[in-house]
Amino acid sequence: MSKPQVIETNFASLSYTVYSGDNSEVVLFFPGFGQEEAQYIKLIQALGEKYKVIVVDLFFHGGSKWLKQDEPLLVDEWKELMDSLIKKEFIEKFRMMGYSMGARFAMLTTSLYPDRVTHLTLVAPDGIMLSNWYRFAVENPLTRSLFKAVVLRNSFMLRRFAERVSKIGLLDKKIYRFSSSQLQTQEQRERVYYSWVVFRNIKVSIVKLATLLKDKNIPVDFYMGEHDRIITLKRIEPLRNLLPESRLFMLPSGHTHLVNDIARFEI
């Protein structure tokens, strides 16, 4: 394993780590929200037997830093960063992989480099069907201000509200426990707020993406957890229904452990 590398621009610092660098075929992997190496190391070790693996830290994770406060990351800015990464690491072709929130970046990156991507793997992918809660929180200035006030300055009220709607059955208990675990410290709450708000433009047209994947003959695999209440099968149907040749693998996992559990598959 090499030490983390950094790409510097006037708007961001993007950190990434190269694993198993002796292999020529590349897997570019975007982890999920709040993930650290321990939560995906089994997957990296399995992939490293066949590939050179590059793990990119999302902003507000690892060593990646966003320098524009809560202004949104633009697609052109993301492409500038990926252009620099591809050039720096001498990448010609690569397999694309993303887990949960990282899958949003995987889908966007695939749409930007369709002639370079040889395979797309989506693990419990966020961003295919955005939740109404997410849209409400980030899509207009008024609700973004409300979201900021609640998450950063009145998190107790947010936790109490989530607890009550969970008790009356309006919020799945597993989702409640997962969301509560991500709001315990000020650092976690800032990560939630800034990730949601800054990444609000990281999305693709599902119809256009499906058309592109078919036109370029890019194979697509979905890995989903049977016990996952965060990203359910319903959430991936809009894309999967457009890709009849794609493969679906169901694992006896919940959301958090799914990414390491797929290490036993031939990816």
C-alpha atoms as a PDB file:
ATOM      1  CA  MET A   1       0.000   0.000   0.000  1.00  0.00           C
ATOM      2  CA  SER A   2       1.252   3.477  -0.822  1.00  0.00           C
ATOM      3  CA  LYS A   3       0.729   6.567   1.265  1.00  0.00           C
ATOM      4  CA  PRO A   4      -2.296   8.733   0.430  1.00  0.00           C
ATOM      5  CA  GLN A   5      -1.772  11.010  -2.551  1.00  0.00           C
ATOM      6  CA  VAL A   6      -3.345  14.443  -2.922  1.00  0.00           C
ATOM      7  CA  ILE A   7      -4.538  16.418  -5.923  1.00  0.00           C
ATOM      8  CA  GLU A   8      -4.585  20.145  -5.173  1.00  0.00           C
ATOM      9  CA  THR A   9      -6.777  22.774  -6.832  1.00  0.00           C
ATOM     10  CA  ASN A  10      -7.968  26.230  -5.803  1.00  0.00           C
ATOM     11  CA  PHE A  11     -11.327  24.771  -4.759  1.00  0.00           C
ATOM     12  CA  ALA A  12     -10.450  21.391  -3.227  1.00  0.00           C
ATOM     13  CA  SER A  13      -7.843  18.860  -2.148  1.00  0.00           C
ATOM     14  CA  LEU A  14      -8.711  15.336  -3.273  1.00  0.00           C
ATOM     15  CA  SER A  15      -7.043  12.500  -1.373  1.00  0.00           C
ATOM     16  CA  TYR A  16      -6.694   8.959  -2.702  1.00  0.00           C
ATOM     17  CA  THR A  17      -4.725   5.804  -1.879  1.00  0.00           C
ATOM     18  CA  VAL A  18      -3.288   3.270  -4.305  1.00  0.00           C
ATOM     19  CA  TYR A  19      -3.346  -0.391  -3.258  1.00  0.00           C
ATOM     20  CA  SER A  20      -1.677  -3.345  -5.011  1.00  0.00           C
ATOM     21  CA  GLY A  21       0.116  -1.140  -7.474  1.00  0.00           C
ATOM     22  CA  ASP A  22       1.865  -3.999  -9.312  1.00  0.00           C
ATOM     23  CA  ASN A  23      -1.299  -4.927 -11.188  1.00  0.00           C
ATOM     24  CA  SER A  24      -2.028  -3.179 -14.475  1.00  0.00           C
ATOM     25  CA  GLU A  25      -5.846  -3.288 -14.546  1.00  0.00           C
ATOM     26  CA  VAL A  26      -7.346  -0.540 -12.375  1.00  0.00           C
ATOM     27  CA  VAL A  27     -10.398  -0.448 -10.109  1.00  0.00           C
ATOM     28  CA  LEU A  28     -11.445   3.036  -9.077  1.00  0.00           C
ATOM     29  CA  PHE A  29     -13.469   2.776  -5.856  1.00  0.00           C
ATOM     30  CA  PHE A  30     -15.561   5.394  -4.061  1.00  0.00           C
ATOM     31  CA  PRO A  31     -16.505   4.334  -0.499  1.00  0.00           C
ATOM     32  CA  GLY A  32     -19.724   5.287   1.232  1.00  0.00           C
ATOM     33  CA  PHE A  33     -20.686   7.983   3.687  1.00  0.00           C
ATOM     34  CA  GLY A  34     -18.719   7.927   6.942  1.00  0.00           C
ATOM     35  CA  GLN A  35     -16.586   4.952   5.909  1.00  0.00           C
ATOM     36  CA  GLU A  36     -13.013   4.368   7.028  1.00  0.00           C
ATOM     37  CA  GLU A  37     -10.527   1.836   5.693  1.00  0.00           C
ATOM     38  CA  ALA A  38     -11.447  -0.862   8.249  1.00  0.00           C
ATOM     39  CA  GLN A  39     -14.960  -0.972   6.834  1.00  0.00           C
ATOM     40  CA  TYR A  40     -13.851  -1.902   3.304  1.00  0.00           C
ATOM     41  CA  ILE A  41     -10.371  -3.386   3.744  1.00  0.00           C
ATOM     42  CA  LYS A  42     -11.528  -6.984   3.075  1.00  0.00           C
ATOM     43  CA  LEU A  43     -12.915  -5.860  -0.266  1.00  0.00           C
ATOM     44  CA  ILE A  44      -9.693  -4.033  -1.124  1.00  0.00           C
ATOM     45  CA  GLN A  45      -7.608  -7.075  -0.217  1.00  0.00           C
ATOM     46  CA  ALA A  46      -9.755  -9.326  -2.417  1.00  0.00           C
ATOM     47  CA  LEU A  47      -9.660  -6.901  -5.337  1.00  0.00           C
ATOM     48  CA  GLY A  48      -5.910  -6.429  -4.880  1.00  0.00           C
ATOM     49  CA  GLU A  49      -5.275 -10.011  -5.914  1.00  0.00           C
ATOM     50  CA  LYS A  50      -6.289  -9.084  -9.454  1.00  0.00           C
ATOM     51  CA  TYR A  51      -6.259  -5.303  -9.767  1.00  0.00           C
ATOM     52  CA  LYS A  52      -4.513  -2.092  -8.927  1.00  0.00           C
ATOM     53  CA  VAL A  53      -7.073  -0.495  -6.598  1.00  0.00           C
ATOM     54  CA  ILE A  54      -7.410   3.268  -6.183  1.00  0.00           C
ATOM     55  CA  VAL A  55      -9.638   4.366  -3.305  1.00  0.00           C
ATOM     56  CA  VAL A  56     -10.778   7.989  -3.478  1.00  0.00           C
ATOM     57  CA  ASP A  57     -11.816   9.795  -0.301  1.00  0.00           C
ATOM     58  CA  LEU A  58     -15.047  11.711  -0.727  1.00  0.00           C
ATOM     59  CA  PHE A  59     -14.917  15.260   0.547  1.00  0.00           C
ATOM     60  CA  PHE A  60     -15.390  15.535   4.329  1.00  0.00           C
ATOM     61  CA  HIS A  61     -13.820  12.060   4.586  1.00  0.00           C
ATOM     62  CA  GLY A  62     -10.191  11.020   4.975  1.00  0.00           C
ATOM     63  CA  GLY A  63      -7.772  13.599   3.639  1.00  0.00           C
ATOM     64  CA  SER A  64     -10.085  15.198   1.051  1.00  0.00           C
ATOM     65  CA  LYS A  65     -10.960  18.828   1.744  1.00  0.00           C
ATOM     66  CA  TRP A  66     -13.599  21.037   0.145  1.00  0.00           C
ATOM     67  CA  LEU A  67     -12.571  24.711   0.186  1.00  0.00           C
ATOM     68  CA  LYS A  68     -15.835  26.419  -0.805  1.00  0.00           C
ATOM     69  CA  GLN A  69     -17.813  25.961   2.426  1.00  0.00           C
ATOM     70  CA  ASP A  70     -21.332  24.826   1.523  1.00  0.00           C
ATOM     71  CA  GLU A  71     -21.256  25.815  -2.153  1.00  0.00           C
ATOM     72  CA  PRO A  72     -22.117  22.809  -4.354  1.00  0.00           C
ATOM     73  CA  LEU A  73     -19.478  20.744  -6.073  1.00  0.00           C
ATOM     74  CA  LEU A  74     -19.960  21.268  -9.807  1.00  0.00           C
ATOM     75  CA  VAL A  75     -19.678  18.551 -12.429  1.00  0.00           C
ATOM     76  CA  ASP A  76     -16.937  20.488 -14.244  1.00  0.00           C
ATOM     77  CA  GLU A  77     -14.965  20.688 -10.994  1.00  0.00           C
ATOM     78  CA  TRP A  78     -15.304  16.961 -10.436  1.00  0.00           C
ATOM     79  CA  LYS A  79     -14.129  16.288 -13.994  1.00  0.00           C
ATOM     80  CA  GLU A  80     -11.099  18.518 -13.438  1.00  0.00           C
ATOM     81  CA  LEU A  81     -10.169  16.425 -10.410  1.00  0.00           C
ATOM     82  CA  MET A  82     -10.706  13.134 -12.230  1.00  0.00           C
ATOM     83  CA  ASP A  83      -8.704  14.359 -15.239  1.00  0.00           C
ATOM     84  CA  SER A  84      -5.811  15.083 -12.877  1.00  0.00           C
ATOM     85  CA  LEU A  85      -6.097  11.666 -11.200  1.00  0.00           C
ATOM     86  CA  ILE A  86      -6.198   9.811 -14.524  1.00  0.00           C
ATOM     87  CA  LYS A  87      -3.160  11.734 -15.776  1.00  0.00           C
ATOM     88  CA  LYS A  88      -1.178  11.379 -12.546  1.00  0.00           C
ATOM     89  CA  GLU A  89      -1.738   7.619 -12.301  1.00  0.00           C
ATOM     90  CA  PHE A  90      -1.353   6.955 -16.060  1.00  0.00           C
ATOM     91  CA  ILE A  91      -4.797   5.332 -16.287  1.00  0.00           C
ATOM     92  CA  GLU A  92      -6.040   4.279 -19.704  1.00  0.00           C
ATOM     93  CA  LYS A  93      -8.998   2.068 -18.799  1.00  0.00           C
ATOM     94  CA  PHE A  94     -10.561   1.291 -15.437  1.00  0.00           C
ATOM     95  CA  ARG A  95     -13.319  -0.601 -13.682  1.00  0.00           C
ATOM     96  CA  MET A  96     -15.656   1.683 -11.768  1.00  0.00           C
ATOM     97  CA  MET A  97     -17.038   0.795  -8.324  1.00  0.00           C
ATOM     98  CA  GLY A  98     -19.049   2.744  -5.769  1.00  0.00           C
ATOM     99  CA  TYR A  99     -20.785   1.974  -2.509  1.00  0.00           C
ATOM    100  CA  SER A 100     -23.817   3.873  -1.161  1.00  0.00           C
ATOM    101  CA  MET A 101     -23.098   7.616  -1.505  1.00  0.00           C
ATOM    102  CA  GLY A 102     -19.911   6.745  -3.382  1.00  0.00           C
ATOM    103  CA  ALA A 103     -22.053   5.161  -6.096  1.00  0.00           C
ATOM    104  CA  ARG A 104     -23.343   8.616  -7.017  1.00  0.00           C
ATOM    105  CA  PHE A 105     -19.769   9.576  -7.873  1.00  0.00           C
ATOM    106  CA  ALA A 106     -19.241   6.247  -9.639  1.00  0.00           C
ATOM    107  CA  MET A 107     -22.251   6.793 -11.899  1.00  0.00           C
ATOM    108  CA  LEU A 108     -21.258  10.383 -12.659  1.00  0.00           C
ATOM    109  CA  THR A 109     -17.649   9.404 -13.368  1.00  0.00           C
ATOM    110  CA  THR A 110     -18.819   6.629 -15.695  1.00  0.00           C
ATOM    111  CA  SER A 111     -20.960   9.127 -17.590  1.00  0.00           C
ATOM    112  CA  LEU A 112     -17.933  11.428 -17.952  1.00  0.00           C
ATOM    113  CA  TYR A 113     -15.530   8.707 -19.172  1.00  0.00           C
ATOM    114  CA  PRO A 114     -17.608   6.095 -21.012  1.00  0.00           C
ATOM    115  CA  ASP A 115     -14.720   5.178 -23.299  1.00  0.00           C
ATOM    116  CA  ARG A 116     -12.422   4.460 -20.358  1.00  0.00           C
ATOM    117  CA  VAL A 117     -14.794   2.526 -18.071  1.00  0.00           C
ATOM    118  CA  THR A 118     -14.805  -1.222 -18.718  1.00  0.00           C
ATOM    119  CA  HIS A 119     -17.189  -2.303 -15.944  1.00  0.00           C
ATOM    120  CA  LEU A 120     -19.513  -0.643 -13.431  1.00  0.00           C
ATOM    121  CA  THR A 121     -20.195  -2.179  -9.998  1.00  0.00           C
ATOM    122  CA  LEU A 122     -22.827  -0.529  -7.804  1.00  0.00           C
ATOM    123  CA  VAL A 123     -23.038  -1.638  -4.177  1.00  0.00           C
ATOM    124  CA  ALA A 124     -26.256  -0.521  -2.438  1.00  0.00           C
ATOM    125  CA  PRO A 125     -26.138   2.563  -4.662  1.00  0.00           C
ATOM    126  CA  ASP A 126     -27.461   5.907  -3.518  1.00  0.00           C
ATOM    127  CA  GLY A 127     -28.533   8.445  -6.133  1.00  0.00           C
ATOM    128  CA  ILE A 128     -30.730   6.367  -8.430  1.00  0.00           C
ATOM    129  CA  MET A 129     -33.917   7.322  -6.618  1.00  0.00           C
ATOM    130  CA  LEU A 130     -33.341  10.292  -4.321  1.00  0.00           C
ATOM    131  CA  SER A 131     -35.440  10.295  -1.170  1.00  0.00           C
ATOM    132  CA  ASN A 132     -38.059  12.957  -0.539  1.00  0.00           C
ATOM    133  CA  TRP A 133     -36.263  13.869   2.702  1.00  0.00           C
ATOM    134  CA  TYR A 134     -33.087  14.590   0.770  1.00  0.00           C
ATOM    135  CA  ARG A 135     -34.859  16.671  -1.848  1.00  0.00           C
ATOM    136  CA  PHE A 136     -36.640  18.663   0.853  1.00  0.00           C
ATOM    137  CA  ALA A 137     -33.392  19.318   2.723  1.00  0.00           C
ATOM    138  CA  VAL A 138     -31.175  20.509  -0.148  1.00  0.00           C
ATOM    139  CA  GLU A 139     -33.135  21.673  -3.177  1.00  0.00           C
ATOM    140  CA  ASN A 140     -34.002  25.231  -2.179  1.00  0.00           C
ATOM    141  CA  PRO A 141     -32.277  27.894  -0.053  1.00  0.00           C
ATOM    142  CA  LEU A 142     -35.022  28.093   2.576  1.00  0.00           C
ATOM    143  CA  THR A 143     -35.046  24.393   3.419  1.00  0.00           C
ATOM    144  CA  ARG A 144     -31.240  24.255   3.257  1.00  0.00           C
ATOM    145  CA  SER A 145     -31.127  26.968   5.927  1.00  0.00           C
ATOM    146  CA  LEU A 146     -33.606  25.022   8.026  1.00  0.00           C
ATOM    147  CA  PHE A 147     -31.623  21.818   7.534  1.00  0.00           C
ATOM    148  CA  LYS A 148     -28.425  23.585   8.613  1.00  0.00           C
ATOM    149  CA  ALA A 149     -30.045  25.047  11.711  1.00  0.00           C
ATOM    150  CA  VAL A 150     -31.487  21.709  12.809  1.00  0.00           C
ATOM    151  CA  VAL A 151     -28.466  19.509  12.077  1.00  0.00           C
ATOM    152  CA  LEU A 152     -25.690  21.823  13.242  1.00  0.00           C
ATOM    153  CA  ARG A 153     -27.350  23.807  16.017  1.00  0.00           C
ATOM    154  CA  ASN A 154     -30.372  21.859  17.259  1.00  0.00           C
ATOM    155  CA  SER A 155     -29.497  18.206  16.742  1.00  0.00           C
ATOM    156  CA  PHE A 156     -31.278  17.225  19.971  1.00  0.00           C
ATOM    157  CA  MET A 157     -34.590  18.253  18.401  1.00  0.00           C
ATOM    158  CA  LEU A 158     -33.745  16.221  15.281  1.00  0.00           C
ATOM    159  CA  ARG A 159     -32.927  13.118  17.303  1.00  0.00           C
ATOM    160  CA  ARG A 160     -36.087  13.452  19.392  1.00  0.00           C
ATOM    161  CA  PHE A 161     -38.193  13.836  16.243  1.00  0.00           C
ATOM    162  CA  ALA A 162     -36.598  10.764  14.641  1.00  0.00           C
ATOM    163  CA  GLU A 163     -37.115   8.779  17.844  1.00  0.00           C
ATOM    164  CA  ARG A 164     -40.817   9.622  17.963  1.00  0.00           C
ATOM    165  CA  VAL A 165     -41.565   8.843  14.318  1.00  0.00           C
ATOM    166  CA  SER A 166     -39.672   5.569  14.753  1.00  0.00           C
ATOM    167  CA  LYS A 167     -41.791   4.641  17.758  1.00  0.00           C
ATOM    168  CA  ILE A 168     -45.038   5.191  15.865  1.00  0.00           C
ATOM    169  CA  GLY A 169     -43.808   3.197  12.868  1.00  0.00           C
ATOM    170  CA  LEU A 170     -43.192   6.006  10.368  1.00  0.00           C
ATOM    171  CA  LEU A 171     -39.446   5.399  10.343  1.00  0.00           C
ATOM    172  CA  ASP A 172     -37.866   1.952  10.128  1.00  0.00           C
ATOM    173  CA  LYS A 173     -36.012   1.120  13.347  1.00  0.00           C
ATOM    174  CA  LYS A 174     -32.858   0.104  11.484  1.00  0.00           C
ATOM    175  CA  ILE A 175     -32.857   3.418   9.607  1.00  0.00           C
ATOM    176  CA  TYR A 176     -33.368   5.219  12.910  1.00  0.00           C
ATOM    177  CA  ARG A 177     -30.403   3.433  14.509  1.00  0.00           C
ATOM    178  CA  PHE A 178     -28.211   4.080  11.459  1.00  0.00           C
ATOM    179  CA  SER A 179     -29.096   7.789  11.279  1.00  0.00           C
ATOM    180  CA  SER A 180     -28.666   8.222  15.031  1.00  0.00           C
ATOM    181  CA  SER A 181     -25.183   6.709  14.861  1.00  0.00           C
ATOM    182  CA  GLN A 182     -24.210   9.367  12.279  1.00  0.00           C
ATOM    183  CA  LEU A 183     -25.349  12.338  14.398  1.00  0.00           C
ATOM    184  CA  GLN A 184     -23.668  11.713  17.739  1.00  0.00           C
ATOM    185  CA  THR A 185     -20.783  14.213  17.515  1.00  0.00           C
ATOM    186  CA  GLN A 186     -20.413  17.695  16.072  1.00  0.00           C
ATOM    187  CA  GLU A 187     -17.925  16.345  13.520  1.00  0.00           C
ATOM    188  CA  GLN A 188     -20.447  13.735  12.366  1.00  0.00           C
ATOM    189  CA  ARG A 189     -23.234  16.309  12.150  1.00  0.00           C
ATOM    190  CA  GLU A 190     -21.054  18.619  10.052  1.00  0.00           C
ATOM    191  CA  ARG A 191     -20.223  15.710   7.756  1.00  0.00           C
ATOM    192  CA  VAL A 192     -23.931  14.984   7.272  1.00  0.00           C
ATOM    193  CA  TYR A 193     -24.797  18.602   6.537  1.00  0.00           C
ATOM    194  CA  TYR A 194     -21.891  19.394   4.211  1.00  0.00           C
ATOM    195  CA  SER A 195     -22.040  16.080   2.345  1.00  0.00           C
ATOM    196  CA  TRP A 196     -25.752  16.469   1.671  1.00  0.00           C
ATOM    197  CA  VAL A 197     -25.521  20.105   0.615  1.00  0.00           C
ATOM    198  CA  VAL A 198     -22.205  20.144  -1.269  1.00  0.00           C
ATOM    199  CA  PHE A 199     -22.976  16.937  -3.190  1.00  0.00           C
ATOM    200  CA  ARG A 200     -26.459  18.005  -4.294  1.00  0.00           C
ATOM    201  CA  ASN A 201     -25.376  18.399  -7.949  1.00  0.00           C
ATOM    202  CA  ILE A 202     -23.687  14.990  -8.073  1.00  0.00           C
ATOM    203  CA  LYS A 203     -26.380  13.172  -9.987  1.00  0.00           C
ATOM    204  CA  VAL A 204     -27.052  11.828 -13.449  1.00  0.00           C
ATOM    205  CA  SER A 205     -30.047  11.266 -15.673  1.00  0.00           C
ATOM    206  CA  ILE A 206     -30.817   7.591 -15.141  1.00  0.00           C
ATOM    207  CA  VAL A 207     -32.255   7.237 -18.650  1.00  0.00           C
ATOM    208  CA  LYS A 208     -29.187   8.843 -20.244  1.00  0.00           C
ATOM    209  CA  LEU A 209     -26.848   6.748 -18.123  1.00  0.00           C
ATOM    210  CA  ALA A 210     -28.622   3.515 -19.067  1.00  0.00           C
ATOM    211  CA  THR A 211     -28.500   4.452 -22.752  1.00  0.00           C
ATOM    212  CA  LEU A 212     -24.792   5.219 -22.489  1.00  0.00           C
ATOM    213  CA  LEU A 213     -24.031   1.956 -20.684  1.00  0.00           C
ATOM    214  CA  LYS A 214     -25.837  -0.039 -23.375  1.00  0.00           C
ATOM    215  CA  ASP A 215     -24.297   1.911 -26.257  1.00  0.00           C
ATOM    216  CA  LYS A 216     -20.790   1.382 -24.879  1.00  0.00           C
ATOM    217  CA  ASN A 217     -21.449  -2.245 -23.823  1.00  0.00           C
ATOM    218  CA  ILE A 218     -20.365  -1.563 -20.241  1.00  0.00           C
ATOM    219  CA  PRO A 219     -21.375  -4.491 -17.997  1.00  0.00           C
ATOM    220  CA  VAL A 220     -23.174  -3.518 -14.776  1.00  0.00           C
ATOM    221  CA  ASP A 221     -23.410  -5.464 -11.523  1.00  0.00           C
ATOM    222  CA  PHE A 222     -25.587  -4.592  -8.537  1.00  0.00           C
ATOM    223  CA  TYR A 223     -24.813  -5.892  -5.042  1.00  0.00           C
ATOM    224  CA  MET A 224     -27.608  -5.500  -2.510  1.00  0.00           C
ATOM    225  CA  GLY A 225     -28.221  -6.553   1.085  1.00  0.00           C
ATOM    226  CA  GLU A 226     -31.279  -8.638   1.957  1.00  0.00           C
ATOM    227  CA  HIS A 227     -31.494  -6.857   5.320  1.00  0.00           C
ATOM    228  CA  ASP A 228     -30.628  -3.381   4.038  1.00  0.00           C
ATOM    229  CA  ARG A 229     -33.296  -0.830   4.994  1.00  0.00           C
ATOM    230  CA  ILE A 230     -31.278   2.173   3.832  1.00  0.00           C
ATOM    231  CA  ILE A 231     -30.980   1.277   0.121  1.00  0.00           C
ATOM    232  CA  THR A 232     -33.684  -1.209  -0.820  1.00  0.00           C
ATOM    233  CA  LEU A 233     -34.337  -2.961  -4.124  1.00  0.00           C
ATOM    234  CA  LYS A 234     -37.073  -0.446  -4.878  1.00  0.00           C
ATOM    235  CA  ARG A 235     -34.475   2.330  -4.833  1.00  0.00           C
ATOM    236  CA  ILE A 236     -32.481   0.784  -7.709  1.00  0.00           C
ATOM    237  CA  GLU A 237     -35.407  -0.266  -9.919  1.00  0.00           C
ATOM    238  CA  PRO A 238     -35.413   2.858 -12.151  1.00  0.00           C
ATOM    239  CA  LEU A 239     -31.916   1.995 -13.418  1.00  0.00           C
ATOM    240  CA  ARG A 240     -32.002  -1.783 -13.162  1.00  0.00           C
ATOM    241  CA  ASN A 241     -35.245  -1.989 -15.173  1.00  0.00           C
ATOM    242  CA  LEU A 242     -33.492  -0.160 -18.013  1.00  0.00           C
ATOM    243  CA  LEU A 243     -30.562  -2.602 -17.953  1.00  0.00           C
ATOM    244  CA  PRO A 244     -31.982  -6.099 -18.505  1.00  0.00           C
ATOM    245  CA  GLU A 245     -28.487  -7.514 -19.058  1.00  0.00           C
ATOM    246  CA  SER A 246     -27.225  -6.296 -15.674  1.00  0.00           C
ATOM    247  CA  ARG A 247     -26.588  -8.775 -12.873  1.00  0.00           C
ATOM    248  CA  LEU A 248     -28.049  -8.595  -9.365  1.00  0.00           C
ATOM    249  CA  PHE A 249     -26.381 -10.270  -6.365  1.00  0.00           C
ATOM    250  CA  MET A 250     -28.309 -10.456  -3.099  1.00  0.00           C
ATOM    251  CA  LEU A 251     -26.292 -10.979   0.085  1.00  0.00           C
ATOM    252  CA  PRO A 252     -27.561 -11.788   3.596  1.00  0.00           C
ATOM    253  CA  SER A 253     -26.286  -8.427   4.840  1.00  0.00           C
ATOM    254  CA  GLY A 254     -27.454  -5.093   6.125  1.00  0.00           C
ATOM    255  CA  HIS A 255     -26.226  -1.786   4.748  1.00  0.00           C
ATOM    256  CA  THR A 256     -23.146  -1.250   6.902  1.00  0.00           C
ATOM    257  CA  HIS A 257     -21.401  -4.596   6.381  1.00  0.00           C
ATOM    258  CA  LEU A 258     -22.378  -5.186   2.766  1.00  0.00           C
ATOM    259  CA  VAL A 259     -19.268  -3.685   1.196  1.00  0.00           C
ATOM    260  CA  ASN A 260     -16.923  -6.100   3.006  1.00  0.00           C
ATOM    261  CA  ASP A 261     -19.263  -9.048   2.551  1.00  0.00           C
ATOM    262  CA  ILE A 262     -18.946  -8.911  -1.234  1.00  0.00           C
ATOM    263  CA  ALA A 263     -15.220  -9.706  -0.972  1.00  0.00           C
ATOM    264  CA  ARG A 264     -15.987 -13.403  -1.500  1.00  0.00           C
ATOM    265  CA  PHE A 265     -17.456 -12.753  -4.967  1.00  0.00           C
ATOM    266  CA  GLU A 266     -15.517 -12.710  -8.223  1.00  0.00           C
ATOM    267  CA  ILE A 267     -15.730  -9.018  -9.044  1.00  0.00           C
END
